[in-house]
Structure formats: structure tokens, C-alpha cells
Amino acid sequence: MSAHLRWACALVLAYAAPVPAAAAAPPPAILRWADVAAAIDRDPRVAASRSRVRAAEGALTAARTPPNPEVEATAGRAEARDGAARRNEWGLALTLPLDWLARRGPEVDAARATVDEAAEEARALRAEVTAELWRLYVGAAYAQAEVKTLEATEQQADALARLVRRRVEAGEGRPVEVPRVELELERVRNQVDAARAIRDGALAQLGAWLTVPVQHVELPPPPPTLDPGSPPLDASRHPRVRAALARAEAARAEASAARRSRVPAFSVGGFYTSELDREAVGGRFGVELPLWDWKSGRVRRAEAAAAAEASRADAEGRALAAAQADAVAACGKARAVADRQKIRILPRAEESARTLERTFQLGETGILDVIDARRVLLEARREYLSSARERDVDCGALILLSGRELP
């Protein structure tokens, strides 16, 4: 066997897939996206949104409940002027306010719209929490994949460094190849350390939100492609827009209640009085005298607030349409880049590395060219992982923006 063929076989063995050293160790628990999705409802932000919905429902119940009647009791000691008679006096009065009748309808409508707003805000917040956890999950998964790629490259580079040293010691290689391959090994080790730090940080962030230690994350499948023939997102059905419309409806109801508050407040009631020289029983009717305050300022403020909320709802719909257009473009760009990396760039880098290995076997190239080819291959793999991570994050955000659930 020639020297070139012998070293070529050793090179192939050095770049072969390494056997895991800890194959007998039990694998760590794998966190899947289904586990994260099941924990979304336990997220404190989602729980807080549910509490806000219950608070709004309590306000609706309060708006439907009529006010309590008022009872007034008086007591005293009476004595005739001539001192001939004296006795205790007392009286009772019952007052039932009726001014709420004019405002009850609009106030109930406003409270009901507030419940709808809180419910839609809860839906929107849940989608945002899902997108945030999806971003953390995808980042942790691809950080792990990058570490595995770099660790395999480190093992191959270390084996190659030992091979080059033996080759030089045998007088079959140039001494300048040793520092070059050792520098390459140290460069890869730096990349491994940096990737491990990023992976540990990503796992720690995900574990902090899930309140469980996360050691291993399953790499998610690519998000499904949206059907080009599917109808565009109906902005009026998005929870953010529906919440804005509910706020506008509540503001209109409050403006109606403010206009009805111009009706003078009145109340009815009855009384019974036991005095020194008489007993009296009768009814009472009270009317507010709108002498100075005709509620004009309150009405103008409520109407202006209603107009502002209507404009905000319009702006929310436009912002959603712009966000959807941006999300579609970002997803399409990321998917195209990832596909190009996987289909066109990565196979060519692998073919180039294999070709240089074959030419090295024939003695037509040096070991440094093989190192450069492997460096290009490593960068192509890392760029593919980066583009795949961006594709999953951006396309996942588009799926959530369209009102669907992640697979």
C-alpha cells in the first residue's frame, strides 16, 4: 500500500462519524413542543389575563344590579312647651333611587363590551406567549444542534491533528502542516465553547419560563407552508382588532350613558313619623335640580373618547395588515434561504470536501486544502442551522398571526 493511500485511509477514519463515548448512559429527558404547548395555560401572563376576564365579568354583574334602597331612621326626646307631656319620638324613611334606570342599558352594554375586550385581549396575549415560547424553544433546539455539529467537527479535527503529527514524524509530511492543523483545532474549540454557552443560555431561558430544568430539546419539524390559495387573514377576526372594536363599543356605550345622565335624577320613597302630638305616614318624591351642572363636559369627554377608540380600532386593523405583510415576507425569505442552503449550498460543500479528499488520496493536493474544504463545509452547516432557525421562528410567527395553532 502506497504512503498516500495509507494516509488517505487514516484521513477517512478521522473524519468518520464519531462513536458517542457515553452510549451506555441513559439519555436525558427530551422536551418536545407538545410539552411546552401544554404548559402555556399555566403561564402567569395567561393566568393574569384570565383573572382580568373574571374581573370584567364581575363588573358586568355589578352593572346589572340595581342600587340598594336607603333607609333613614331618626330618634329623639320631645317635651311639650308647657311641660305637661313628654315622650320619645322616632321616624323611619325609605328612599328608592330611580336615576339608574336611564343609564342602566348603556352601562350594561359598556360592561359587556369590556368583557369582550378582556376576552379578546386574553386570546391575543396567549398567542403572543405562544410565539415567545416558540422562539425560545426553537432557539434552544438549534443551539443544541449547532453544538453537536461543532463537537463532531472538534473530534475530527483532533484526530486529524494527531494524524498530521504522525505523518510529519514519519517524514511523509511538511512540518508547517502541524501548527496549521493545531490552530484549526483551537479555532474549532473556541467555536464549541461559544456554542455551548449560547446553548446553555437558551435552555436556561426556556426553563425559567417553564419553571422546570431543561436539558434536551427535540428539534422541531419545519412549520407547514401556508396554502397560496387560502384566503388572506380577515383582520376583523383577529383578537387584537376585536379587542379594539370592543373598546370602541364600550366607549360608545359610555357616551350614551353620559348623555342619559342629563336626565335629572329622581327618587321615590315613604316615611313614618311618630311625634309628641301626632303620627304621620306618607310618601316622598325627590328630583335633582340641574341648576349649574348639565353634564355637558362629561358628554363631550365621553364622545371624544368614543371617537378616539374608533380611530384606534381602525389603526389596529391597519397595523395588523402591515404586520401580516411583513410576516409573510419574512417567512418567505427565511424559507427560501433555508431551502437554498439545504438543497444547493450544503450538498456542494459536501461534494467539494469529498473531492478534495479523493485528490488527496491520489497525492494531487495537500492536507491544508482538505482543512479549508472542511472549514467551508462546517460554515455551510452552521449557516443552514441558522437559516433553519430563522425559518421556523418567522414562519411560526406567521402561523400564530393567522390565528392557527402551531403543529
Protein backbone atom coordinates (compact mmCIF):
# COMPACT_ATOMS: atom_id res chain seq x y z
CA MET A 1 0.00 0.00 0.00
CA SER A 2 1.44 3.39 -1.01
CA ALA A 3 2.04 6.11 1.59
CA HIS A 4 -0.62 8.37 0.06
CA LEU A 5 -3.20 5.60 0.14
CA ARG A 6 -2.32 4.70 3.74
CA TRP A 7 -2.69 8.32 4.93
CA ALA A 8 -5.88 8.69 2.90
CA CYS A 9 -7.43 5.74 4.70
CA ALA A 10 -6.40 7.23 8.01
CA LEU A 11 -7.96 10.55 6.98
CA VAL A 12 -11.25 8.85 6.12
CA LEU A 13 -11.27 7.19 9.52
CA ALA A 14 -10.51 10.51 11.19
CA TYR A 15 -13.48 12.18 9.51
CA ALA A 16 -15.85 9.29 10.04
CA ALA A 17 -18.85 9.85 12.28
CA PRO A 18 -17.55 9.58 15.88
CA VAL A 19 -18.97 6.91 18.17
CA PRO A 20 -20.54 8.52 21.26
CA ALA A 21 -18.38 7.87 24.29
CA ALA A 22 -21.30 7.76 26.68
CA ALA A 23 -23.56 5.48 24.65
CA ALA A 24 -24.37 3.40 27.70
CA ALA A 25 -25.50 6.42 29.74
CA PRO A 26 -29.28 6.91 29.95
CA PRO A 27 -30.46 9.65 27.61
CA PRO A 28 -31.73 12.86 29.23
CA ALA A 29 -35.40 13.67 29.25
CA ILE A 30 -36.39 15.20 25.92
CA LEU A 31 -38.60 18.27 25.93
CA ARG A 32 -40.97 18.37 22.97
CA TRP A 33 -43.06 21.25 21.69
CA ALA A 34 -46.22 19.44 22.78
CA ASP A 35 -44.94 19.65 26.36
CA VAL A 36 -44.36 23.38 26.03
CA ALA A 37 -47.78 23.92 24.43
CA ALA A 38 -49.43 22.07 27.31
CA ALA A 39 -47.75 24.45 29.77
CA ILE A 40 -48.93 27.65 28.07
CA ASP A 41 -52.17 27.80 30.04
CA ARG A 42 -50.11 27.67 33.25
CA ASP A 43 -48.05 30.67 32.24
CA PRO A 44 -48.55 33.52 34.75
CA ARG A 45 -49.21 36.02 31.97
CA VAL A 46 -52.03 33.87 30.60
CA ALA A 47 -53.37 33.32 34.12
CA ALA A 48 -53.38 37.08 34.71
CA SER A 49 -55.40 37.61 31.52
CA ARG A 50 -57.99 35.09 32.72
CA SER A 51 -58.23 36.98 36.02
CA ARG A 52 -58.86 40.19 34.10
CA VAL A 53 -61.70 38.47 32.25
CA ARG A 54 -63.25 37.39 35.55
CA ALA A 55 -62.88 40.92 36.89
CA ALA A 56 -64.70 42.29 33.84
CA GLU A 57 -67.45 39.72 34.31
CA GLY A 58 -67.81 40.88 37.91
CA ALA A 59 -68.14 44.46 36.69
CA LEU A 60 -70.90 43.31 34.30
CA THR A 61 -72.77 41.70 37.18
CA ALA A 62 -72.42 44.91 39.17
CA ALA A 63 -73.76 46.96 36.25
CA ARG A 64 -76.84 44.74 36.03
CA THR A 65 -77.59 45.00 39.75
CA PRO A 66 -79.90 47.86 40.82
CA PRO A 67 -78.71 50.09 43.66
CA ASN A 68 -79.80 49.37 47.21
CA PRO A 69 -82.60 51.42 48.76
CA GLU A 70 -81.72 53.84 51.53
CA VAL A 71 -83.28 53.65 54.97
CA GLU A 72 -83.16 56.63 57.31
CA ALA A 73 -84.05 56.40 60.99
CA THR A 74 -84.45 59.30 63.43
CA ALA A 75 -84.97 59.21 67.18
CA GLY A 76 -85.25 61.84 69.88
CA ARG A 77 -86.92 63.04 73.09
CA ALA A 78 -89.80 65.52 72.82
CA GLU A 79 -91.42 67.64 75.53
CA ALA A 80 -94.37 69.97 75.28
CA ARG A 81 -93.68 73.68 75.81
CA ASP A 82 -95.76 73.77 78.95
CA GLY A 83 -94.01 70.64 80.20
CA ALA A 84 -97.27 68.76 80.56
CA ALA A 85 -96.27 65.90 78.27
CA ARG A 86 -93.12 64.29 77.17
CA ARG A 87 -92.29 61.18 75.16
CA ASN A 88 -89.79 59.63 72.76
CA GLU A 89 -90.13 60.49 69.08
CA TRP A 90 -88.88 58.43 66.18
CA GLY A 91 -89.22 58.19 62.44
CA LEU A 92 -88.37 55.93 59.52
CA ALA A 93 -87.89 56.88 55.87
CA LEU A 94 -87.29 54.62 52.87
CA THR A 95 -85.83 56.07 49.66
CA LEU A 96 -85.50 54.18 46.39
CA PRO A 97 -83.25 55.93 43.82
CA LEU A 98 -84.50 55.62 40.24
CA ASP A 99 -81.93 57.64 38.32
CA TRP A 100 -80.09 54.42 37.39
CA LEU A 101 -82.97 53.36 35.16
CA ALA A 102 -81.95 55.85 32.48
CA ARG A 103 -78.31 54.77 32.50
CA ARG A 104 -78.68 51.04 33.11
CA GLY A 105 -78.88 49.97 29.47
CA PRO A 106 -75.76 51.83 28.25
CA GLU A 107 -73.80 50.91 31.37
CA VAL A 108 -74.62 47.23 30.92
CA ASP A 109 -73.62 47.49 27.25
CA ALA A 110 -70.33 49.12 28.23
CA ALA A 111 -69.61 46.42 30.81
CA ARG A 112 -70.47 43.67 28.33
CA ALA A 113 -68.14 45.21 25.75
CA THR A 114 -65.42 45.38 28.40
CA VAL A 115 -65.84 41.64 28.99
CA ASP A 116 -65.46 41.04 25.26
CA GLU A 117 -62.37 43.24 25.22
CA ALA A 118 -60.78 41.35 28.11
CA ALA A 119 -61.54 38.00 26.47
CA GLU A 120 -60.02 39.06 23.14
CA GLU A 121 -57.00 40.55 24.90
CA ALA A 122 -56.56 37.21 26.66
CA ARG A 123 -56.63 35.41 23.30
CA ALA A 124 -54.11 37.82 21.82
CA LEU A 125 -51.85 37.54 24.85
CA ARG A 126 -51.96 33.75 24.68
CA ALA A 127 -50.84 33.90 21.04
CA GLU A 128 -48.01 36.26 21.99
CA VAL A 129 -46.89 33.99 24.84
CA THR A 130 -47.00 31.05 22.45
CA ALA A 131 -44.84 32.94 19.95
CA GLU A 132 -42.35 33.86 22.67
CA LEU A 133 -42.08 30.29 23.95
CA TRP A 134 -41.82 29.01 20.38
CA ARG A 135 -38.93 31.39 19.73
CA LEU A 136 -37.13 30.21 22.88
CA TYR A 137 -37.84 26.56 22.09
CA VAL A 138 -36.58 26.80 18.52
CA GLY A 139 -33.52 28.75 19.62
CA ALA A 140 -32.63 26.12 22.21
CA ALA A 141 -33.19 23.25 19.78
CA TYR A 142 -30.97 24.70 17.06
CA ALA A 143 -28.36 25.78 19.60
CA GLN A 144 -28.13 22.13 20.64
CA ALA A 145 -27.85 21.03 17.01
CA GLU A 146 -25.04 23.51 16.41
CA VAL A 147 -23.16 22.26 19.47
CA LYS A 148 -23.44 18.67 18.23
CA THR A 149 -22.13 19.70 14.80
CA LEU A 150 -19.19 21.55 16.31
CA GLU A 151 -18.39 18.78 18.78
CA ALA A 152 -18.25 16.26 15.93
CA THR A 153 -16.01 18.64 14.00
CA GLU A 154 -13.78 19.06 17.05
CA GLN A 155 -13.32 15.30 17.33
CA GLN A 156 -12.50 15.07 13.63
CA ALA A 157 -10.07 17.99 13.86
CA ASP A 158 -8.37 16.44 16.88
CA ALA A 159 -8.00 13.12 15.08
CA LEU A 160 -6.68 14.94 12.04
CA ALA A 161 -4.13 16.82 14.16
CA ARG A 162 -2.81 13.55 15.58
CA LEU A 163 -2.68 12.11 12.09
CA VAL A 164 -0.69 15.05 10.75
CA ARG A 165 1.79 14.85 13.64
CA ARG A 166 2.41 11.16 12.98
CA ARG A 167 2.77 11.89 9.27
CA VAL A 168 5.34 14.59 9.91
CA GLU A 169 7.20 12.41 12.41
CA ALA A 170 7.35 9.71 9.76
CA GLY A 171 8.87 12.15 7.30
CA GLU A 172 5.90 11.99 4.93
CA GLY A 173 4.54 15.47 5.59
CA ARG A 174 5.75 19.04 5.84
CA PRO A 175 6.43 20.39 9.37
CA VAL A 176 4.46 23.55 8.56
CA GLU A 177 1.29 21.45 8.49
CA VAL A 178 1.44 20.80 12.25
CA PRO A 179 0.91 24.39 13.52
CA ARG A 180 -1.69 24.96 10.83
CA VAL A 181 -3.80 21.99 11.87
CA GLU A 182 -3.32 22.79 15.56
CA LEU A 183 -4.51 26.36 15.00
CA GLU A 184 -7.53 24.98 13.19
CA LEU A 185 -8.25 22.70 16.14
CA GLU A 186 -8.07 25.57 18.64
CA ARG A 187 -10.33 27.69 16.44
CA VAL A 188 -12.91 24.92 16.41
CA ARG A 189 -12.63 24.55 20.19
CA ASN A 190 -13.33 28.26 20.60
CA GLN A 191 -16.44 27.87 18.48
CA VAL A 192 -17.51 24.87 20.56
CA ASP A 193 -17.16 26.82 23.81
CA ALA A 194 -19.12 29.76 22.42
CA ALA A 195 -21.86 27.48 21.08
CA ARG A 196 -22.14 25.67 24.42
CA ALA A 197 -22.56 28.98 26.24
CA ILE A 198 -25.32 30.02 23.83
CA ARG A 199 -26.99 26.62 24.21
CA ASP A 200 -26.88 26.74 28.00
CA GLY A 201 -28.31 30.25 28.00
CA ALA A 202 -31.13 29.27 25.65
CA LEU A 203 -32.01 26.22 27.75
CA ALA A 204 -31.92 28.30 30.92
CA GLN A 205 -34.27 30.92 29.46
CA LEU A 206 -36.74 28.27 28.35
CA GLY A 207 -36.53 26.52 31.71
CA ALA A 208 -37.09 29.79 33.57
CA TRP A 209 -40.45 30.33 31.86
CA LEU A 210 -41.45 26.68 32.22
CA THR A 211 -40.16 26.53 35.84
CA VAL A 212 -38.55 23.16 35.11
CA PRO A 213 -34.93 22.29 34.32
CA VAL A 214 -34.50 21.73 30.58
CA GLN A 215 -31.59 19.55 29.48
CA HIS A 216 -32.51 18.43 25.99
CA VAL A 217 -34.92 19.82 23.40
CA GLU A 218 -36.27 17.93 20.42
CA LEU A 219 -35.59 19.62 17.10
CA PRO A 220 -38.99 20.73 15.72
CA PRO A 221 -40.13 19.89 12.21
CA PRO A 222 -40.35 22.80 9.76
CA PRO A 223 -43.63 24.73 10.03
CA PRO A 224 -46.09 23.85 7.27
CA THR A 225 -46.31 26.13 4.29
CA LEU A 226 -49.39 28.32 4.06
CA ASP A 227 -51.56 27.49 1.07
CA PRO A 228 -51.12 30.28 -1.51
CA GLY A 229 -54.76 29.85 -2.49
CA SER A 230 -56.03 30.29 1.05
CA PRO A 231 -57.95 33.50 1.73
CA PRO A 232 -55.99 36.30 3.39
CA LEU A 233 -56.27 36.91 7.09
CA ASP A 234 -59.54 38.61 8.00
CA ALA A 235 -58.39 41.48 10.19
CA SER A 236 -61.81 41.82 11.79
CA ARG A 237 -61.44 38.34 13.30
CA HIS A 238 -58.03 38.89 14.86
CA PRO A 239 -58.20 39.19 18.67
CA ARG A 240 -56.27 42.47 18.73
CA VAL A 241 -58.68 44.07 16.30
CA ARG A 242 -61.70 42.56 18.04
CA ALA A 243 -60.41 43.91 21.35
CA ALA A 244 -60.05 47.37 19.81
CA LEU A 245 -63.57 47.16 18.39
CA ALA A 246 -64.86 46.11 21.82
CA ARG A 247 -63.13 49.11 23.40
CA ALA A 248 -64.77 51.36 20.83
CA GLU A 249 -68.16 49.78 21.58
CA ALA A 250 -67.63 50.32 25.31
CA ALA A 251 -66.69 53.95 24.69
CA ARG A 252 -69.84 54.49 22.61
CA ALA A 253 -71.96 52.97 25.37
CA GLU A 254 -70.30 55.21 27.94
CA ALA A 255 -71.03 58.22 25.74
CA SER A 256 -74.69 57.14 25.61
CA ALA A 257 -74.72 56.80 29.40
CA ALA A 258 -73.21 60.27 29.70
CA ARG A 259 -75.94 61.74 27.50
CA ARG A 260 -78.63 60.00 29.54
CA SER A 261 -77.11 61.35 32.72
CA ARG A 262 -78.54 64.73 31.71
CA VAL A 263 -81.94 63.42 32.78
CA PRO A 264 -82.50 64.84 36.27
CA ALA A 265 -82.05 62.22 38.96
CA PHE A 266 -85.16 61.40 40.92
CA SER A 267 -86.13 59.09 43.74
CA VAL A 268 -89.28 57.87 45.46
CA GLY A 269 -89.85 56.72 49.00
CA GLY A 270 -92.07 56.65 52.02
CA PHE A 271 -91.84 57.66 55.66
CA TYR A 272 -93.46 57.13 59.03
CA THR A 273 -93.07 59.58 61.91
CA SER A 274 -94.23 59.25 65.49
CA GLU A 275 -94.12 62.62 67.22
CA LEU A 276 -95.30 64.01 70.53
CA ASP A 277 -98.66 65.17 69.33
CA ARG A 278 -99.16 63.26 66.08
CA GLU A 279 -98.27 60.33 63.92
CA ALA A 280 -97.64 60.78 60.20
CA VAL A 281 -97.21 58.42 57.28
CA GLY A 282 -96.72 59.34 53.64
CA GLY A 283 -94.60 59.22 50.52
CA ARG A 284 -91.83 61.32 49.10
CA PHE A 285 -90.56 62.21 45.65
CA GLY A 286 -87.16 63.83 45.07
CA VAL A 287 -85.84 65.41 41.87
CA GLU A 288 -82.35 66.70 41.17
CA LEU A 289 -82.33 70.38 40.30
CA PRO A 290 -79.87 70.84 37.40
CA LEU A 291 -79.07 74.40 38.21
CA TRP A 292 -75.36 74.59 37.37
CA ASP A 293 -74.28 71.22 36.02
CA TRP A 294 -75.97 69.93 32.88
CA LYS A 295 -73.29 67.21 32.39
CA SER A 296 -72.11 68.89 29.18
CA GLY A 297 -68.43 68.39 29.97
CA ARG A 298 -68.91 64.72 30.73
CA VAL A 299 -70.81 64.21 27.50
CA ARG A 300 -68.14 65.91 25.39
CA ARG A 301 -65.39 63.92 27.08
CA ALA A 302 -67.21 60.61 26.53
CA GLU A 303 -67.96 61.39 22.90
CA ALA A 304 -64.34 62.36 22.25
CA ALA A 305 -63.17 59.15 23.92
CA ALA A 306 -65.54 57.14 21.70
CA ALA A 307 -64.16 58.84 18.59
CA ALA A 308 -60.61 58.16 19.75
CA GLU A 309 -61.32 54.47 20.33
CA ALA A 310 -62.90 54.17 16.89
CA SER A 311 -59.74 55.66 15.35
CA ARG A 312 -57.60 53.31 17.42
CA ALA A 313 -59.58 50.33 16.15
CA ASP A 314 -59.00 51.49 12.58
CA ALA A 315 -55.29 51.92 13.28
CA GLU A 316 -55.14 48.46 14.87
CA GLY A 317 -56.58 46.91 11.73
CA ARG A 318 -54.06 48.70 9.52
CA ALA A 319 -51.18 47.74 11.82
CA LEU A 320 -52.30 44.12 11.68
CA ALA A 321 -52.41 44.18 7.88
CA ALA A 322 -48.90 45.67 7.81
CA ALA A 323 -47.66 43.08 10.32
CA GLN A 324 -49.15 40.29 8.24
CA ALA A 325 -47.46 41.55 5.08
CA ASP A 326 -44.14 41.77 6.92
CA ALA A 327 -44.59 38.28 8.42
CA VAL A 328 -45.40 36.77 5.01
CA ALA A 329 -42.30 38.38 3.50
CA ALA A 330 -40.07 37.33 6.42
CA CYS A 331 -41.33 33.75 6.31
CA GLY A 332 -40.92 33.51 2.55
CA LYS A 333 -37.41 34.94 2.68
CA ALA A 334 -36.31 32.67 5.54
CA ARG A 335 -37.81 29.59 3.91
CA ALA A 336 -36.12 30.36 0.58
CA VAL A 337 -32.74 30.88 2.25
CA ALA A 338 -33.05 27.67 4.28
CA ASP A 339 -34.09 25.66 1.23
CA ARG A 340 -31.20 27.06 -0.79
CA GLN A 341 -28.75 26.26 1.99
CA LYS A 342 -30.06 22.70 2.24
CA ILE A 343 -30.54 21.90 -1.46
CA ARG A 344 -27.87 23.89 -3.27
CA ILE A 345 -25.12 25.08 -0.92
CA LEU A 346 -24.69 22.30 1.64
CA PRO A 347 -24.54 19.43 -0.91
CA ARG A 348 -21.95 21.34 -2.94
CA ALA A 349 -19.83 21.94 0.15
CA GLU A 350 -20.01 18.24 1.00
CA GLU A 351 -19.14 17.27 -2.58
CA SER A 352 -16.21 19.69 -2.57
CA ALA A 353 -14.87 18.17 0.64
CA ARG A 354 -15.21 14.65 -0.76
CA THR A 355 -13.50 15.66 -4.00
CA LEU A 356 -10.54 17.14 -2.17
CA GLU A 357 -10.27 14.01 -0.05
CA ARG A 358 -10.13 11.91 -3.22
CA THR A 359 -7.50 14.15 -4.78
CA PHE A 360 -5.54 13.92 -1.54
CA GLN A 361 -5.67 10.14 -1.85
CA LEU A 362 -4.12 10.50 -5.29
CA GLY A 363 -1.43 12.81 -3.96
CA GLU A 364 -2.60 15.75 -6.05
CA THR A 365 -3.34 18.11 -3.15
CA GLY A 366 -2.13 18.81 0.35
CA ILE A 367 -3.71 18.39 3.75
CA LEU A 368 -4.23 22.14 4.09
CA ASP A 369 -6.63 22.14 1.15
CA VAL A 370 -8.60 19.41 2.90
CA ILE A 371 -8.71 21.54 6.05
CA ASP A 372 -10.01 24.52 4.07
CA ALA A 373 -12.68 22.36 2.45
CA ARG A 374 -13.78 21.05 5.83
CA ARG A 375 -13.90 24.60 7.16
CA VAL A 376 -16.18 25.62 4.29
CA LEU A 377 -18.35 22.57 4.98
CA LEU A 378 -18.62 23.46 8.68
CA GLU A 379 -19.63 27.03 7.87
CA ALA A 380 -22.22 25.75 5.39
CA ARG A 381 -23.71 23.51 8.05
CA ARG A 382 -23.81 26.31 10.62
CA GLU A 383 -25.36 28.69 8.11
CA TYR A 384 -28.01 26.09 7.32
CA LEU A 385 -28.85 25.68 11.02
CA SER A 386 -29.05 29.46 11.41
CA SER A 387 -31.32 29.84 8.38
CA ALA A 388 -33.50 26.92 9.52
CA ARG A 389 -33.87 28.52 12.96
CA GLU A 390 -34.90 31.82 11.39
CA ARG A 391 -37.34 29.99 9.10
CA ASP A 392 -39.02 28.18 12.00
CA VAL A 393 -39.30 31.34 14.11
CA ASP A 394 -40.62 33.58 11.33
CA CYS A 395 -43.00 31.03 9.82
CA GLY A 396 -44.24 30.05 13.27
CA ALA A 397 -44.99 33.70 13.98
CA LEU A 398 -46.93 33.89 10.71
CA ILE A 399 -48.98 30.82 11.64
CA LEU A 400 -49.87 32.33 15.02
CA LEU A 401 -50.66 35.68 13.41
CA SER A 402 -53.09 33.94 11.07
CA GLY A 403 -54.99 32.59 14.07
CA ARG A 404 -53.87 28.97 13.75
CA GLU A 405 -52.10 26.73 16.24
CA LEU A 406 -48.55 25.51 15.81
CA PRO A 407 -48.30 21.80 14.96
